[in-house]
PDB file of N, CA and C in Angstrom:
ATOM      1  N   MET A   1       1.001  -1.485  -0.218  1.00  0.00           N
ATOM      2  CA  MET A   1      -0.325   0.331  -0.059  1.00  0.00           C
ATOM      3  C   MET A   1       1.194   1.343  -0.344  1.00  0.00           C
ATOM      4  N   LYS A   2       0.395   2.408  -0.766  1.00  0.00           N
ATOM      5  CA  LYS A   2       1.351   3.983  -0.895  1.00  0.00           C
ATOM      6  C   LYS A   2       0.197   4.347  -0.194  1.00  0.00           C
ATOM      7  N   SER A   3       1.128   5.606  -0.227  1.00  0.00           N
ATOM      8  CA  SER A   3       0.251   6.669   0.638  1.00  0.00           C
ATOM      9  C   SER A   3      -0.566   6.964  -0.032  1.00  0.00           C
ATOM     10  N   GLU A   4      -0.935   7.096  -1.398  1.00  0.00           N
ATOM     11  CA  GLU A   4      -1.884   7.756  -1.961  1.00  0.00           C
ATOM     12  C   GLU A   4      -3.005   6.724  -1.739  1.00  0.00           C
ATOM     13  N   ASP A   5      -3.095   5.230  -1.075  1.00  0.00           N
ATOM     14  CA  ASP A   5      -3.889   4.646  -0.694  1.00  0.00           C
ATOM     15  C   ASP A   5      -4.967   5.271   0.020  1.00  0.00           C
ATOM     16  N   LEU A   6      -3.828   6.207   0.779  1.00  0.00           N
ATOM     17  CA  LEU A   6      -5.023   6.505   1.852  1.00  0.00           C
ATOM     18  C   LEU A   6      -6.025   7.563   1.133  1.00  0.00           C
ATOM     19  N   ALA A   7      -5.290   8.502   0.558  1.00  0.00           N
ATOM     20  CA  ALA A   7      -6.852   9.504  -0.546  1.00  0.00           C
ATOM     21  C   ALA A   7      -7.505   8.176  -1.036  1.00  0.00           C
ATOM     22  N   ALA A   8      -7.266   6.801  -1.555  1.00  0.00           N
ATOM     23  CA  ALA A   8      -8.502   6.311  -2.409  1.00  0.00           C
ATOM     24  C   ALA A   8      -9.067   6.164  -1.089  1.00  0.00           C
ATOM     25  N   ILE A   9      -8.495   5.805   0.023  1.00  0.00           N
ATOM     26  CA  ILE A   9      -9.964   5.065   0.978  1.00  0.00           C
ATOM     27  C   ILE A   9     -10.434   6.433   1.579  1.00  0.00           C
ATOM     28  N   GLY A  10      -9.815   7.811   1.865  1.00  0.00           N
ATOM     29  CA  GLY A  10     -10.517   8.650   1.670  1.00  0.00           C
ATOM     30  C   GLY A  10     -11.506   9.216   0.961  1.00  0.00           C
ATOM     31  N   ALA A  11     -11.631   8.983  -0.299  1.00  0.00           N
ATOM     32  CA  ALA A  11     -12.287   8.692  -1.429  1.00  0.00           C
ATOM     33  C   ALA A  11     -13.867   8.023  -0.854  1.00  0.00           C
ATOM     34  N   LYS A  12     -13.517   7.153  -0.488  1.00  0.00           N
ATOM     35  CA  LYS A  12     -14.702   6.094  -0.531  1.00  0.00           C
ATOM     36  C   LYS A  12     -16.161   6.787   0.621  1.00  0.00           C
ATOM     37  N   TYR A  13     -15.549   7.334   1.375  1.00  0.00           N
ATOM     38  CA  TYR A  13     -15.718   8.382   2.868  1.00  0.00           C
ATOM     39  C   TYR A  13     -16.106   9.731   2.476  1.00  0.00           C
ATOM     40  N   GLY A  14     -15.443  10.204   1.208  1.00  0.00           N
ATOM     41  CA  GLY A  14     -15.821  11.262   1.540  1.00  0.00           C
ATOM     42  C   GLY A  14     -14.438  12.576   1.968  1.00  0.00           C
ATOM     43  N   LYS A  15     -13.678  11.804   2.430  1.00  0.00           N
ATOM     44  CA  LYS A  15     -12.732  12.728   3.183  1.00  0.00           C
ATOM     45  C   LYS A  15     -11.455  12.354   2.600  1.00  0.00           C
ATOM     46  N   SER A  16      -9.960  13.536   2.949  1.00  0.00           N
ATOM     47  CA  SER A  16      -8.996  13.581   2.366  1.00  0.00           C
ATOM     48  C   SER A  16      -8.461  12.753   3.421  1.00  0.00           C
ATOM     49  N   ALA A  17      -7.585  12.339   3.137  1.00  0.00           N
ATOM     50  CA  ALA A  17      -5.771  11.521   2.964  1.00  0.00           C
ATOM     51  C   ALA A  17      -5.361  11.717   4.827  1.00  0.00           C
ATOM     52  N   ALA A  18      -5.510  13.393   4.736  1.00  0.00           N
ATOM     53  CA  ALA A  18      -4.969  13.266   6.796  1.00  0.00           C
ATOM     54  C   ALA A  18      -6.463  12.943   7.645  1.00  0.00           C
ATOM     55  N   GLN A  19      -7.166  12.788   6.577  1.00  0.00           N
ATOM     56  CA  GLN A  19      -8.332  13.276   7.901  1.00  0.00           C
ATOM     57  C   GLN A  19      -8.574  11.372   8.280  1.00  0.00           C
ATOM     58  N   VAL A  20      -8.788  10.393   7.472  1.00  0.00           N
ATOM     59  CA  VAL A  20      -8.401   9.281   7.370  1.00  0.00           C
ATOM     60  C   VAL A  20      -7.271   9.049   8.185  1.00  0.00           C
ATOM     61  N   ALA A  21      -5.650   9.158   8.342  1.00  0.00           N
ATOM     62  CA  ALA A  21      -4.992   9.695   8.960  1.00  0.00           C
ATOM     63  C   ALA A  21      -5.657   9.409  10.533  1.00  0.00           C
ATOM     64  N   LEU A  22      -6.559  10.569  10.561  1.00  0.00           N
ATOM     65  CA  LEU A  22      -6.621  10.987  12.134  1.00  0.00           C
ATOM     66  C   LEU A  22      -7.251  10.062  12.414  1.00  0.00           C
ATOM     67  N   ARG A  23      -8.578   9.115  11.969  1.00  0.00           N
ATOM     68  CA  ARG A  23     -10.100   8.579  11.884  1.00  0.00           C
ATOM     69  C   ARG A  23      -8.987   7.483  12.555  1.00  0.00           C
ATOM     70  N   TRP A  24      -7.976   6.722  11.570  1.00  0.00           N
ATOM     71  CA  TRP A  24      -7.343   5.346  12.191  1.00  0.00           C
ATOM     72  C   TRP A  24      -6.369   5.617  13.088  1.00  0.00           C
ATOM     73  N   LEU A  25      -6.087   6.851  13.761  1.00  0.00           N
ATOM     74  CA  LEU A  25      -5.617   6.725  15.490  1.00  0.00           C
ATOM     75  C   LEU A  25      -6.320   6.880  15.950  1.00  0.00           C
ATOM     76  N   THR A  26      -7.409   7.567  15.793  1.00  0.00           N
ATOM     77  CA  THR A  26      -8.662   7.723  16.958  1.00  0.00           C
ATOM     78  C   THR A  26      -9.388   6.455  17.240  1.00  0.00           C
ATOM     79  N   GLN A  27     -10.138   5.569  16.287  1.00  0.00           N
ATOM     80  CA  GLN A  27     -10.127   4.139  16.457  1.00  0.00           C
ATOM     81  C   GLN A  27      -9.123   3.853  16.896  1.00  0.00           C
ATOM     82  N   ARG A  28      -8.140   3.865  17.104  1.00  0.00           N
ATOM     83  CA  ARG A  28      -6.796   2.740  17.843  1.00  0.00           C
ATOM     84  C   ARG A  28      -6.531   3.202  19.173  1.00  0.00           C
ATOM     85  N   GLY A  29      -7.656   4.080  19.270  1.00  0.00           N
ATOM     86  CA  GLY A  29      -7.296   4.828  20.751  1.00  0.00           C
ATOM     87  C   GLY A  29      -6.131   6.038  21.357  1.00  0.00           C
ATOM     88  N   VAL A  30      -4.825   6.125  19.972  1.00  0.00           N
ATOM     89  CA  VAL A  30      -4.438   7.137  20.163  1.00  0.00           C
ATOM     90  C   VAL A  30      -5.097   8.181  19.912  1.00  0.00           C
ATOM     91  N   VAL A  31      -4.365   9.355  20.780  1.00  0.00           N
ATOM     92  CA  VAL A  31      -4.620  10.489  20.621  1.00  0.00           C
ATOM     93  C   VAL A  31      -3.370  11.499  19.806  1.00  0.00           C
ATOM     94  N   ALA A  32      -4.438  11.952  18.879  1.00  0.00           N
ATOM     95  CA  ALA A  32      -3.880  13.114  17.950  1.00  0.00           C
ATOM     96  C   ALA A  32      -3.956  14.712  17.832  1.00  0.00           C
ATOM     97  N   ILE A  33      -2.653  15.249  18.439  1.00  0.00           N
ATOM     98  CA  ILE A  33      -3.133  16.662  18.089  1.00  0.00           C
ATOM     99  C   ILE A  33      -2.590  17.329  16.935  1.00  0.00           C
ATOM    100  N   PRO A  34      -2.975  17.181  16.061  1.00  0.00           N
ATOM    101  CA  PRO A  34      -2.290  17.838  15.006  1.00  0.00           C
ATOM    102  C   PRO A  34      -2.453  19.403  14.823  1.00  0.00           C
ATOM    103  N   LYS A  35      -1.622  19.563  14.152  1.00  0.00           N
ATOM    104  CA  LYS A  35      -1.080  21.115  13.881  1.00  0.00           C
ATOM    105  C   LYS A  35      -1.616  21.686  13.047  1.00  0.00           C
ATOM    106  N   SER A  36      -2.202  22.770  13.125  1.00  0.00           N
ATOM    107  CA  SER A  36      -2.457  23.814  12.139  1.00  0.00           C
ATOM    108  C   SER A  36      -2.805  24.755  12.565  1.00  0.00           C
ATOM    109  N   SER A  37      -2.632  25.905  11.304  1.00  0.00           N
ATOM    110  CA  SER A  37      -3.321  27.881  11.546  1.00  0.00           C
ATOM    111  C   SER A  37      -4.164  28.487  10.522  1.00  0.00           C
ATOM    112  N   HIS A  38      -4.860  26.894  10.108  1.00  0.00           N
ATOM    113  CA  HIS A  38      -5.841  27.243   8.493  1.00  0.00           C
ATOM    114  C   HIS A  38      -6.973  26.622   9.217  1.00  0.00           C
ATOM    115  N   LYS A  39      -7.510  27.738   9.009  1.00  0.00           N
ATOM    116  CA  LYS A  39      -9.107  27.790   9.500  1.00  0.00           C
ATOM    117  C   LYS A  39      -9.783  26.431   9.246  1.00  0.00           C
ATOM    118  N   GLU A  40      -9.487  26.174   7.814  1.00  0.00           N
ATOM    119  CA  GLU A  40     -10.442  24.947   6.898  1.00  0.00           C
ATOM    120  C   GLU A  40      -9.857  23.497   7.263  1.00  0.00           C
ATOM    121  N   ARG A  41      -8.344  23.693   7.642  1.00  0.00           N
ATOM    122  CA  ARG A  41      -8.056  22.939   7.965  1.00  0.00           C
ATOM    123  C   ARG A  41      -7.929  22.098   8.798  1.00  0.00           C
ATOM    124  N   MET A  42      -8.130  23.040  10.211  1.00  0.00           N
ATOM    125  CA  MET A  42      -8.129  22.718  11.610  1.00  0.00           C
ATOM    126  C   MET A  42      -9.756  22.205  11.855  1.00  0.00           C
ATOM    127  N   ALA A  43     -10.879  22.689  10.715  1.00  0.00           N
ATOM    128  CA  ALA A  43     -12.233  22.328  10.699  1.00  0.00           C
ATOM    129  C   ALA A  43     -11.990  20.682  10.282  1.00  0.00           C
ATOM    130  N   GLN A  44     -11.589  20.109   9.652  1.00  0.00           N
ATOM    131  CA  GLN A  44     -11.438  19.139   8.992  1.00  0.00           C
ATOM    132  C   GLN A  44     -10.714  18.506   9.636  1.00  0.00           C
ATOM    133  N   ASN A  45     -10.210  18.302  10.882  1.00  0.00           N
ATOM    134  CA  ASN A  45      -9.243  18.033  11.625  1.00  0.00           C
ATOM    135  C   ASN A  45     -10.264  17.600  12.776  1.00  0.00           C
ATOM    136  N   PHE A  46     -11.507  18.086  13.085  1.00  0.00           N
ATOM    137  CA  PHE A  46     -12.794  18.329  13.698  1.00  0.00           C
ATOM    138  C   PHE A  46     -13.931  16.979  12.767  1.00  0.00           C
ATOM    139  N   ASP A  47     -13.552  17.408  11.676  1.00  0.00           N
ATOM    140  CA  ASP A  47     -14.724  16.109  11.061  1.00  0.00           C
ATOM    141  C   ASP A  47     -14.387  14.679  10.882  1.00  0.00           C
ATOM    142  N   ILE A  48     -14.078  14.105  11.693  1.00  0.00           N
ATOM    143  CA  ILE A  48     -13.596  12.911  11.860  1.00  0.00           C
ATOM    144  C   ILE A  48     -14.425  11.943  12.286  1.00  0.00           C
ATOM    145  N   PHE A  49     -15.267  12.394  13.053  1.00  0.00           N
ATOM    146  CA  PHE A  49     -16.324  11.143  13.798  1.00  0.00           C
ATOM    147  C   PHE A  49     -17.104  10.890  13.367  1.00  0.00           C
ATOM    148  N   ASP A  50     -17.678  11.103  11.786  1.00  0.00           N
ATOM    149  CA  ASP A  50     -19.642  10.765  11.094  1.00  0.00           C
ATOM    150  C   ASP A  50     -18.634   9.831  10.292  1.00  0.00           C
ATOM    151  N   PHE A  51     -17.688   9.586  10.558  1.00  0.00           N
ATOM    152  CA  PHE A  51     -17.374   8.108   9.609  1.00  0.00           C
ATOM    153  C   PHE A  51     -16.706   7.044  10.352  1.00  0.00           C
ATOM    154  N   THR A  52     -16.802   5.765   9.799  1.00  0.00           N
ATOM    155  CA  THR A  52     -15.868   4.375  10.665  1.00  0.00           C
ATOM    156  C   THR A  52     -14.946   3.717   9.192  1.00  0.00           C
ATOM    157  N   LEU A  53     -13.235   3.350  10.048  1.00  0.00           N
ATOM    158  CA  LEU A  53     -13.255   3.005   9.025  1.00  0.00           C
ATOM    159  C   LEU A  53     -13.510   1.003   8.904  1.00  0.00           C
ATOM    160  N   THR A  54     -13.286   0.398   7.874  1.00  0.00           N
ATOM    161  CA  THR A  54     -14.200  -1.062   8.653  1.00  0.00           C
ATOM    162  C   THR A  54     -12.116  -1.793   8.370  1.00  0.00           C
ATOM    163  N   ASP A  55     -12.581  -3.208   8.832  1.00  0.00           N
ATOM    164  CA  ASP A  55     -11.832  -3.303   9.299  1.00  0.00           C
ATOM    165  C   ASP A  55     -10.328  -3.738   8.701  1.00  0.00           C
ATOM    166  N   ASP A  56     -11.275  -4.024   6.852  1.00  0.00           N
ATOM    167  CA  ASP A  56      -9.913  -3.998   6.156  1.00  0.00           C
ATOM    168  C   ASP A  56      -9.420  -2.496   6.581  1.00  0.00           C
ATOM    169  N   ASP A  57      -9.962  -1.596   5.837  1.00  0.00           N
ATOM    170  CA  ASP A  57      -8.956   0.386   5.755  1.00  0.00           C
ATOM    171  C   ASP A  57      -8.144  -0.253   6.993  1.00  0.00           C
ATOM    172  N   MET A  58      -8.952  -0.463   8.276  1.00  0.00           N
ATOM    173  CA  MET A  58      -7.728  -0.276   9.477  1.00  0.00           C
ATOM    174  C   MET A  58      -6.462  -1.097   8.817  1.00  0.00           C
ATOM    175  N   LYS A  59      -6.243  -2.144   8.716  1.00  0.00           N
ATOM    176  CA  LYS A  59      -5.693  -3.454   8.446  1.00  0.00           C
ATOM    177  C   LYS A  59      -4.239  -2.955   7.193  1.00  0.00           C
ATOM    178  N   SER A  60      -4.836  -1.378   5.737  1.00  0.00           N
ATOM    179  CA  SER A  60      -4.468  -1.414   4.934  1.00  0.00           C
ATOM    180  C   SER A  60      -3.549  -0.646   5.451  1.00  0.00           C
ATOM    181  N   ILE A  61      -3.599  -0.138   6.154  1.00  0.00           N
ATOM    182  CA  ILE A  61      -3.015   1.309   6.932  1.00  0.00           C
ATOM    183  C   ILE A  61      -2.072   0.963   7.770  1.00  0.00           C
ATOM    184  N   ALA A  62      -2.684   0.148   8.356  1.00  0.00           N
ATOM    185  CA  ALA A  62      -1.361  -0.114   9.577  1.00  0.00           C
ATOM    186  C   ALA A  62       0.173  -1.108   8.751  1.00  0.00           C
ATOM    187  N   LYS A  63      -0.475  -0.945   7.471  1.00  0.00           N
ATOM    188  CA  LYS A  63       0.721  -1.920   6.706  1.00  0.00           C
ATOM    189  C   LYS A  63       1.980  -0.626   6.492  1.00  0.00           C
ATOM    190  N   LEU A  64       1.154   0.765   5.959  1.00  0.00           N
ATOM    191  CA  LEU A  64       2.180   1.390   5.897  1.00  0.00           C
ATOM    192  C   LEU A  64       3.251   1.706   5.926  1.00  0.00           C
ATOM    193  N   ASN A  65       4.362   2.160   5.572  1.00  0.00           N
ATOM    194  CA  ASN A  65       5.561   2.769   6.564  1.00  0.00           C
ATOM    195  C   ASN A  65       6.319   1.672   7.351  1.00  0.00           C
ATOM    196  N   GLN A  66       6.315   0.474   6.657  1.00  0.00           N
ATOM    197  CA  GLN A  66       6.574  -0.560   8.391  1.00  0.00           C
ATOM    198  C   GLN A  66       8.261  -0.615   7.875  1.00  0.00           C
ATOM    199  N   HIS A  67       8.344   0.186   7.058  1.00  0.00           N
ATOM    200  CA  HIS A  67      10.564  -0.522   6.782  1.00  0.00           C
ATOM    201  C   HIS A  67      10.986   1.173   7.110  1.00  0.00           C
ATOM    202  N   ASP A  68       9.672   2.188   7.114  1.00  0.00           N
ATOM    203  CA  ASP A  68      10.646   3.399   7.938  1.00  0.00           C
ATOM    204  C   ASP A  68      11.138   3.010   9.248  1.00  0.00           C
ATOM    205  N   SER A  69      12.630   3.624   8.881  1.00  0.00           N
ATOM    206  CA  SER A  69      13.473   3.413  10.325  1.00  0.00           C
ATOM    207  C   SER A  69      13.052   3.845  10.954  1.00  0.00           C
ATOM    208  N   GLY A  70      12.678   5.355  10.951  1.00  0.00           N
ATOM    209  CA  GLY A  70      11.781   6.476  11.827  1.00  0.00           C
ATOM    210  C   GLY A  70      10.454   5.581  13.018  1.00  0.00           C
ATOM    211  N   THR A  71       9.375   4.417  12.037  1.00  0.00           N
ATOM    212  CA  THR A  71       8.903   3.660  12.572  1.00  0.00           C
ATOM    213  C   THR A  71       9.426   3.174  13.998  1.00  0.00           C
ATOM    214  N   ILE A  72       8.432   3.690  15.212  1.00  0.00           N
ATOM    215  CA  ILE A  72       8.808   3.844  16.471  1.00  0.00           C
ATOM    216  C   ILE A  72       7.609   2.329  16.384  1.00  0.00           C
ATOM    217  N   ASN A  73       7.751   1.525  17.921  1.00  0.00           N
ATOM    218  CA  ASN A  73       7.360   0.664  17.745  1.00  0.00           C
ATOM    219  C   ASN A  73       6.744   0.584  19.570  1.00  0.00           C
ATOM    220  N   PHE A  74       5.880   1.876  19.625  1.00  0.00           N
ATOM    221  CA  PHE A  74       6.207   1.814  21.733  1.00  0.00           C
ATOM    222  C   PHE A  74       5.425   1.400  22.753  1.00  0.00           C
ATOM    223  N   GLY A  75       4.667   0.090  21.979  1.00  0.00           N
ATOM    224  CA  GLY A  75       4.579  -0.591  22.661  1.00  0.00           C
ATOM    225  C   GLY A  75       5.589  -2.148  22.798  1.00  0.00           C
ATOM    226  N   ASP A  76       6.532  -1.700  22.043  1.00  0.00           N
ATOM    227  CA  ASP A  76       7.311  -3.001  21.802  1.00  0.00           C
ATOM    228  C   ASP A  76       8.481  -3.195  23.320  1.00  0.00           C
ATOM    229  N   PRO A  77       8.472  -3.960  24.210  1.00  0.00           N
ATOM    230  CA  PRO A  77       9.066  -4.055  25.583  1.00  0.00           C
ATOM    231  C   PRO A  77      10.632  -3.915  25.285  1.00  0.00           C
ATOM    232  N   GLN A  78      11.213  -3.977  24.220  1.00  0.00           N
ATOM    233  CA  GLN A  78      12.503  -3.730  24.251  1.00  0.00           C
ATOM    234  C   GLN A  78      12.845  -1.944  23.887  1.00  0.00           C
ATOM    235  N   PHE A  79      12.288  -1.246  23.256  1.00  0.00           N
ATOM    236  CA  PHE A  79      11.766   0.371  23.400  1.00  0.00           C
ATOM    237  C   PHE A  79      11.674   1.185  24.711  1.00  0.00           C
ATOM    238  N   VAL A  80      10.501  -0.101  24.931  1.00  0.00           N
ATOM    239  CA  VAL A  80      10.143   0.781  26.291  1.00  0.00           C
ATOM    240  C   VAL A  80      11.616   0.500  27.638  1.00  0.00           C
ATOM    241  N   ARG A  81      12.189  -1.017  27.501  1.00  0.00           N
ATOM    242  CA  ARG A  81      13.148  -1.329  28.122  1.00  0.00           C
ATOM    243  C   ARG A  81      14.146   0.315  27.939  1.00  0.00           C
ATOM    244  N   TYR A  82      14.326   0.224  26.499  1.00  0.00           N
ATOM    245  CA  TYR A  82      15.247   1.094  26.369  1.00  0.00           C
ATOM    246  C   TYR A  82      15.189   2.179  26.861  1.00  0.00           C
ATOM    247  N   LEU A  83      13.782   3.370  27.208  1.00  0.00           N
ATOM    248  CA  LEU A  83      13.226   4.545  27.217  1.00  0.00           C
ATOM    249  C   LEU A  83      13.475   4.570  28.923  1.00  0.00           C
ATOM    250  N   ILE A  84      13.427   3.770  29.601  1.00  0.00           N
ATOM    251  CA  ILE A  84      13.549   3.348  31.303  1.00  0.00           C
ATOM    252  C   ILE A  84      14.770   3.782  31.697  1.00  0.00           C
ATOM    253  N   GLU A  85      16.064   2.678  31.025  1.00  0.00           N
ATOM    254  CA  GLU A  85      17.529   2.306  31.377  1.00  0.00           C
ATOM    255  C   GLU A  85      17.728   4.153  30.454  1.00  0.00           C
ATOM    256  N   ASN A  86      17.540   4.678  29.418  1.00  0.00           N
ATOM    257  CA  ASN A  86      18.482   5.444  29.238  1.00  0.00           C
ATOM    258  C   ASN A  86      17.898   7.467  29.684  1.00  0.00           C
ATOM    259  N   TYR A  87      16.205   7.047  30.101  1.00  0.00           N
ATOM    260  CA  TYR A  87      15.392   8.178  30.619  1.00  0.00           C
ATOM    261  C   TYR A  87      15.032   8.219  31.684  1.00  0.00           C
ATOM    262  N   GLY A  88      15.645   7.028  32.340  1.00  0.00           N
ATOM    263  CA  GLY A  88      14.666   6.540  34.028  1.00  0.00           C
ATOM    264  C   GLY A  88      13.446   6.891  33.999  1.00  0.00           C
TER     265      GLY A  88
END
Protein backbone atom coordinates (compact mmCIF):
# COMPACT_ATOMS: atom_id res chain seq x y z
CA MET A 1 0.00 0.00 0.00
CA LYS A 2 1.27 3.46 -0.88
CA SER A 3 0.55 6.82 0.71
CA GLU A 4 -1.81 7.73 -2.12
CA ASP A 5 -3.92 4.80 -0.95
CA LEU A 6 -4.93 6.93 2.04
CA ALA A 7 -6.51 9.27 -0.49
CA ALA A 8 -8.29 6.32 -2.14
CA ILE A 9 -9.68 5.20 1.21
CA GLY A 10 -10.69 8.79 1.91
CA ALA A 11 -12.52 8.99 -1.41
CA LYS A 12 -14.78 6.14 -0.25
CA TYR A 13 -15.90 8.29 2.68
CA GLY A 14 -15.62 11.74 1.11
CA LYS A 15 -12.64 12.55 3.36
CA SER A 16 -9.04 13.66 2.86
CA ALA A 17 -5.99 11.46 3.41
CA ALA A 18 -5.24 13.46 6.57
CA GLN A 19 -8.74 12.85 7.90
CA VAL A 20 -8.34 9.11 7.24
CA ALA A 21 -5.03 9.10 9.12
CA LEU A 22 -6.58 10.95 12.08
CA ARG A 23 -9.59 8.61 12.09
CA TRP A 24 -7.26 5.57 12.01
CA LEU A 25 -5.43 6.86 15.07
CA THR A 26 -8.69 7.68 16.86
CA GLN A 27 -10.16 4.24 16.18
CA ARG A 28 -7.00 2.72 17.68
CA GLY A 29 -7.43 4.80 20.84
CA VAL A 30 -4.45 7.04 20.06
CA VAL A 31 -4.82 10.70 20.95
CA ALA A 32 -3.63 12.84 18.06
CA ILE A 33 -2.94 16.55 18.33
CA PRO A 34 -2.75 17.84 14.76
CA LYS A 35 -1.15 21.21 14.15
CA SER A 36 -2.52 23.75 11.72
CA SER A 37 -2.90 27.50 11.51
CA HIS A 38 -5.44 27.28 8.68
CA LYS A 39 -9.10 27.47 9.72
CA GLU A 40 -10.18 25.09 6.95
CA ARG A 41 -7.72 22.40 8.02
CA MET A 42 -8.63 22.83 11.69
CA ALA A 43 -12.28 22.24 10.77
CA GLN A 44 -11.29 19.16 8.74
CA ASN A 45 -9.33 17.80 11.70
CA PHE A 46 -12.52 17.85 13.78
CA ASP A 47 -14.62 16.37 10.99
CA ILE A 48 -13.57 12.75 11.53
CA PHE A 49 -16.36 11.45 13.73
CA ASP A 50 -19.05 10.90 11.11
CA PHE A 51 -17.47 7.79 9.58
CA THR A 52 -15.82 4.57 10.71
CA LEU A 53 -13.02 2.81 8.88
CA THR A 54 -13.67 -0.86 8.11
CA ASP A 55 -11.46 -3.60 9.51
CA ASP A 56 -9.92 -4.01 6.04
CA ASP A 57 -9.19 -0.27 5.88
CA MET A 58 -7.61 -0.38 9.33
CA LYS A 59 -5.39 -3.33 8.37
CA SER A 60 -4.36 -1.73 5.07
CA ILE A 61 -3.37 1.51 6.76
CA ALA A 62 -1.44 -0.36 9.46
CA LYS A 63 0.76 -1.84 6.73
CA LEU A 64 1.93 1.59 5.59
CA ASN A 65 5.45 2.74 6.42
CA GLN A 66 6.49 -0.52 8.07
CA HIS A 67 9.99 -0.37 6.61
CA ASP A 68 10.76 3.21 7.53
CA SER A 69 13.57 3.28 10.05
CA GLY A 70 11.81 6.19 11.76
CA THR A 71 8.83 4.05 12.73
CA ILE A 72 8.77 3.31 16.46
CA ASN A 73 6.63 0.67 18.11
CA PHE A 74 5.88 2.18 21.51
CA GLY A 75 4.42 -1.15 22.62
CA ASP A 76 7.68 -3.00 22.02
CA PRO A 77 9.06 -4.11 25.43
CA GLN A 78 12.65 -3.67 24.21
CA PHE A 79 11.94 -0.06 23.25
CA VAL A 80 10.25 0.62 26.60
CA ARG A 81 13.26 -0.93 28.38
CA TYR A 82 15.57 1.30 26.32
CA LEU A 83 13.59 4.39 27.36
CA ILE A 84 13.65 3.44 31.04
CA GLU A 85 17.35 2.60 31.03
CA ASN A 86 18.34 5.78 29.22
CA TYR A 87 15.82 8.31 30.47
CA GLY A 88 14.71 6.75 33.76
